[in-house]
Amino acid sequence: MSFLHREIALMLATVAFVSSFVYKFFLLEVKLTYVTRDIIMFFIIYYVTEKLFLYIDKIMINYRKIL
């Protein structure tokens, strides 16, 4: 699972960003403040999920070493 945590984090952040943007596009409320908020949310989700999946990966590696 080496480097898979980055791709999963990127996928989750991208899905959240695109779904939020498409939802706002259909409501016709696309404004600069909403887009900047979505971009900031993208980076926050990416960072948090990357760290979360990295820690899960480390736990799995340590668990295999114990067994």
Protein backbone atom coordinates (compact mmCIF):
# COMPACT_ATOMS: atom_id res chain seq x y z
CA MET A 1 0.00 0.00 0.00
CA SER A 2 2.95 2.27 -0.58
CA PHE A 3 1.91 5.75 -1.71
CA LEU A 4 -1.68 4.65 -2.08
CA HIS A 5 -2.74 6.98 0.74
CA ARG A 6 -1.90 10.02 -1.41
CA GLU A 7 -4.06 8.85 -4.29
CA ILE A 8 -6.99 8.01 -2.03
CA ALA A 9 -6.72 11.38 -0.31
CA LEU A 10 -6.58 13.16 -3.66
CA MET A 11 -9.60 11.21 -4.90
CA LEU A 12 -11.69 12.05 -1.81
CA ALA A 13 -10.77 15.73 -1.92
CA THR A 14 -11.48 15.92 -5.65
CA VAL A 15 -14.87 14.25 -5.27
CA ALA A 16 -15.80 16.67 -2.49
CA PHE A 17 -14.66 19.69 -4.52
CA VAL A 18 -16.38 18.65 -7.74
CA SER A 19 -19.63 17.67 -6.04
CA SER A 20 -19.73 20.96 -4.14
CA PHE A 21 -19.01 22.96 -7.28
CA VAL A 22 -21.58 21.09 -9.39
CA TYR A 23 -24.20 21.50 -6.67
CA LYS A 24 -23.59 25.25 -6.55
CA PHE A 25 -23.58 25.42 -10.36
CA PHE A 26 -27.02 23.82 -10.54
CA LEU A 27 -28.31 26.25 -7.90
CA LEU A 28 -26.80 29.11 -9.93
CA GLU A 29 -24.88 30.39 -6.91
CA VAL A 30 -21.36 30.28 -8.27
CA LYS A 31 -19.57 33.18 -6.61
CA LEU A 32 -15.91 33.88 -6.03
CA THR A 33 -16.24 33.52 -2.25
CA TYR A 34 -17.84 30.09 -2.62
CA VAL A 35 -15.17 28.92 -5.05
CA THR A 36 -12.34 30.09 -2.77
CA ARG A 37 -14.03 28.37 0.16
CA ASP A 38 -14.24 25.17 -1.89
CA ILE A 39 -10.56 25.42 -2.82
CA ILE A 40 -9.59 25.88 0.82
CA MET A 41 -11.86 22.96 1.74
CA PHE A 42 -10.13 20.86 -0.95
CA PHE A 43 -6.70 21.42 0.58
CA ILE A 44 -7.93 20.79 4.11
CA ILE A 45 -9.66 17.55 3.14
CA TYR A 46 -6.60 16.45 1.18
CA TYR A 47 -4.21 17.13 4.06
CA VAL A 48 -6.39 15.49 6.72
CA THR A 49 -7.18 12.38 4.69
CA GLU A 50 -3.57 12.02 3.57
CA LYS A 51 -2.39 12.01 7.18
CA LEU A 52 -5.23 9.69 8.23
CA PHE A 53 -4.49 7.11 5.53
CA LEU A 54 -0.75 7.43 6.19
CA TYR A 55 -1.31 6.54 9.85
CA ILE A 56 -3.58 3.66 8.86
CA ASP A 57 -0.86 2.44 6.50
CA LYS A 58 1.73 2.60 9.27
CA ILE A 59 -0.56 0.68 11.61
CA MET A 60 -1.06 -2.03 8.97
CA ILE A 61 2.71 -2.29 8.39
CA ASN A 62 3.39 -2.58 12.12
CA TYR A 63 0.61 -5.15 12.48
CA ARG A 64 2.21 -7.29 9.76
CA LYS A 65 5.57 -7.03 11.54
CA ILE A 66 4.01 -8.24 14.79
CA LEU A 67 2.46 -11.25 13.12
